[in-house]
Amino acid sequence: MRRRSATLLVLVLFVVVLPGATSIAAVNQYVEDFATRTYSDTLNTTAEWDTLAGEIRLFDFELA
């Protein structure tokens, strides 16, 4: 009987807690669109922030 109660308690916790946990993660989401250089670290970056195209990419390089 005790094991059955524990299993039921775990099942109820999953049903109650999991839907709330997934909605919290979706609310705190941030997507960088690279439209500005606001968050660009110009001194330490090795990438090209192309704000006109709205993307970030590595600089072109030639094989030596």
N, C-alpha and C. Protein backbone atom coordinates (compact mmCIF):
# COMPACT_ATOMS: atom_id res chain seq x y z
N MET A 1 0.82 -1.19 0.00
CA MET A 1 0.00 0.00 0.00
C MET A 1 0.86 1.26 0.00
N ARG A 2 1.96 1.24 0.74
CA ARG A 2 2.83 2.40 0.84
C ARG A 2 3.51 2.68 -0.51
N ARG A 3 3.91 1.65 -1.19
CA ARG A 3 4.56 1.82 -2.49
C ARG A 3 3.57 2.39 -3.52
N ARG A 4 2.35 1.95 -3.44
CA ARG A 4 1.33 2.45 -4.36
C ARG A 4 1.07 3.93 -4.11
N SER A 5 1.05 4.36 -2.86
CA SER A 5 0.85 5.77 -2.52
C SER A 5 2.02 6.62 -3.03
N ALA A 6 3.24 6.11 -2.88
CA ALA A 6 4.41 6.83 -3.35
C ALA A 6 4.39 6.97 -4.87
N THR A 7 4.00 5.93 -5.56
CA THR A 7 3.90 5.99 -7.02
C THR A 7 2.84 6.99 -7.46
N LEU A 8 1.72 7.00 -6.78
CA LEU A 8 0.66 7.94 -7.09
C LEU A 8 1.11 9.38 -6.81
N LEU A 9 1.84 9.60 -5.74
CA LEU A 9 2.36 10.93 -5.42
C LEU A 9 3.32 11.42 -6.49
N VAL A 10 4.20 10.56 -6.95
CA VAL A 10 5.14 10.93 -8.01
C VAL A 10 4.39 11.24 -9.30
N LEU A 11 3.42 10.47 -9.63
CA LEU A 11 2.63 10.71 -10.84
C LEU A 11 1.90 12.04 -10.76
N VAL A 12 1.31 12.35 -9.63
CA VAL A 12 0.61 13.62 -9.45
C VAL A 12 1.58 14.78 -9.55
N LEU A 13 2.77 14.66 -8.96
CA LEU A 13 3.77 15.72 -9.06
C LEU A 13 4.19 15.98 -10.50
N PHE A 14 4.38 14.92 -11.27
CA PHE A 14 4.74 15.09 -12.69
C PHE A 14 3.63 15.80 -13.45
N VAL A 15 2.40 15.45 -13.18
CA VAL A 15 1.27 16.05 -13.89
C VAL A 15 1.13 17.53 -13.52
N VAL A 16 1.39 17.88 -12.27
CA VAL A 16 1.21 19.25 -11.80
C VAL A 16 2.43 20.12 -12.11
N VAL A 17 3.63 19.61 -11.93
CA VAL A 17 4.85 20.42 -12.03
C VAL A 17 5.33 20.58 -13.46
N LEU A 18 5.33 19.56 -14.27
CA LEU A 18 5.92 19.62 -15.61
C LEU A 18 5.25 20.64 -16.53
N PRO A 19 3.94 20.75 -16.60
CA PRO A 19 3.37 21.78 -17.48
C PRO A 19 3.79 23.20 -17.09
N GLY A 20 3.91 23.48 -15.80
CA GLY A 20 4.35 24.79 -15.36
C GLY A 20 5.81 25.05 -15.67
N ALA A 21 6.65 24.04 -15.61
CA ALA A 21 8.08 24.20 -15.88
C ALA A 21 8.34 24.50 -17.34
N THR A 22 7.58 23.91 -18.24
CA THR A 22 7.81 24.16 -19.67
C THR A 22 7.35 25.55 -20.06
N SER A 23 6.32 26.07 -19.46
CA SER A 23 5.86 27.41 -19.81
C SER A 23 6.80 28.48 -19.28
N ILE A 24 7.45 28.24 -18.17
CA ILE A 24 8.42 29.20 -17.63
C ILE A 24 9.61 29.32 -18.57
N ALA A 25 10.07 28.23 -19.12
CA ALA A 25 11.23 28.26 -20.02
C ALA A 25 10.92 29.05 -21.30
N ALA A 26 9.71 28.97 -21.79
CA ALA A 26 9.35 29.67 -23.02
C ALA A 26 9.24 31.18 -22.79
N VAL A 27 8.86 31.61 -21.60
CA VAL A 27 8.71 33.03 -21.31
C VAL A 27 10.06 33.73 -21.25
N ASN A 28 11.09 33.07 -20.73
CA ASN A 28 12.40 33.67 -20.54
C ASN A 28 13.33 33.43 -21.72
N GLN A 29 12.81 33.41 -22.90
CA GLN A 29 13.61 33.14 -24.09
C GLN A 29 14.01 34.46 -24.75
N TYR A 30 15.24 34.53 -25.26
CA TYR A 30 15.73 35.72 -25.97
C TYR A 30 16.36 35.27 -27.28
N VAL A 31 16.02 35.96 -28.35
CA VAL A 31 16.58 35.64 -29.66
C VAL A 31 17.30 36.88 -30.18
N GLU A 32 18.57 36.74 -30.52
CA GLU A 32 19.36 37.84 -31.07
C GLU A 32 19.14 37.88 -32.57
N ASP A 33 18.74 39.03 -33.09
CA ASP A 33 18.48 39.13 -34.52
C ASP A 33 19.63 39.79 -35.29
N PHE A 34 20.68 40.24 -34.61
CA PHE A 34 21.86 40.84 -35.22
C PHE A 34 21.52 42.05 -36.09
N ALA A 35 20.47 42.78 -35.74
CA ALA A 35 20.10 43.98 -36.47
C ALA A 35 20.90 45.19 -36.00
N THR A 36 21.49 45.10 -34.80
CA THR A 36 22.32 46.18 -34.27
C THR A 36 23.62 45.60 -33.74
N ARG A 37 24.55 46.46 -33.42
CA ARG A 37 25.82 46.03 -32.82
C ARG A 37 25.81 46.23 -31.31
N THR A 38 24.65 46.28 -30.70
CA THR A 38 24.53 46.55 -29.28
C THR A 38 25.30 45.55 -28.43
N TYR A 39 25.22 44.27 -28.73
CA TYR A 39 25.87 43.24 -27.92
C TYR A 39 27.14 42.71 -28.56
N SER A 40 27.66 43.39 -29.55
CA SER A 40 28.88 42.98 -30.23
C SER A 40 30.09 43.34 -29.37
N ASP A 41 30.95 42.38 -29.12
CA ASP A 41 32.20 42.62 -28.39
C ASP A 41 33.28 42.87 -29.43
N THR A 42 33.44 44.12 -29.83
CA THR A 42 34.32 44.45 -30.96
C THR A 42 35.78 44.18 -30.67
N LEU A 43 36.20 44.19 -29.41
CA LEU A 43 37.61 43.96 -29.09
C LEU A 43 37.97 42.48 -29.07
N ASN A 44 37.04 41.61 -28.74
CA ASN A 44 37.36 40.20 -28.57
C ASN A 44 36.72 39.27 -29.58
N THR A 45 36.00 39.78 -30.55
CA THR A 45 35.31 38.89 -31.47
C THR A 45 36.18 38.56 -32.68
N THR A 46 35.99 37.38 -33.22
CA THR A 46 36.66 36.99 -34.45
C THR A 46 35.63 36.77 -35.55
N ALA A 47 34.46 37.36 -35.37
CA ALA A 47 33.38 37.19 -36.33
C ALA A 47 32.97 38.54 -36.89
N GLU A 48 32.28 38.50 -38.02
CA GLU A 48 31.79 39.72 -38.67
C GLU A 48 30.30 39.87 -38.36
N TRP A 49 29.93 40.96 -37.71
CA TRP A 49 28.53 41.26 -37.41
C TRP A 49 27.99 42.07 -38.58
N ASP A 50 27.25 41.42 -39.44
CA ASP A 50 26.68 42.08 -40.62
C ASP A 50 25.25 42.53 -40.28
N THR A 51 25.11 43.79 -39.86
CA THR A 51 23.80 44.28 -39.44
C THR A 51 22.88 44.53 -40.63
N LEU A 52 23.43 44.75 -41.81
CA LEU A 52 22.59 44.95 -42.99
C LEU A 52 21.90 43.65 -43.40
N ALA A 53 22.64 42.53 -43.34
CA ALA A 53 22.07 41.23 -43.68
C ALA A 53 21.38 40.59 -42.48
N GLY A 54 21.63 41.12 -41.27
CA GLY A 54 21.02 40.56 -40.07
C GLY A 54 21.61 39.23 -39.68
N GLU A 55 22.93 39.08 -39.81
CA GLU A 55 23.56 37.80 -39.48
C GLU A 55 24.96 38.02 -38.94
N ILE A 56 25.49 36.98 -38.35
CA ILE A 56 26.86 36.98 -37.88
C ILE A 56 27.56 35.81 -38.56
N ARG A 57 28.80 36.03 -39.00
CA ARG A 57 29.54 34.96 -39.68
C ARG A 57 31.02 35.18 -39.49
N LEU A 58 31.80 34.15 -39.80
CA LEU A 58 33.25 34.27 -39.74
C LEU A 58 33.76 35.03 -40.95
N PHE A 59 34.87 35.73 -40.77
CA PHE A 59 35.47 36.44 -41.89
C PHE A 59 35.95 35.46 -42.95
N ASP A 60 35.96 35.88 -44.20
CA ASP A 60 36.50 35.05 -45.27
C ASP A 60 38.01 34.90 -45.06
N PHE A 61 38.54 33.75 -45.39
CA PHE A 61 39.97 33.54 -45.23
C PHE A 61 40.51 32.75 -46.41
N GLU A 62 41.80 32.86 -46.64
CA GLU A 62 42.47 32.13 -47.71
C GLU A 62 43.33 31.05 -47.11
N LEU A 63 43.39 29.90 -47.78
CA LEU A 63 44.24 28.81 -47.32
C LEU A 63 45.69 29.15 -47.63
N ALA A 64 46.57 28.87 -46.71
CA ALA A 64 47.99 29.17 -46.90
C ALA A 64 48.77 27.89 -47.13
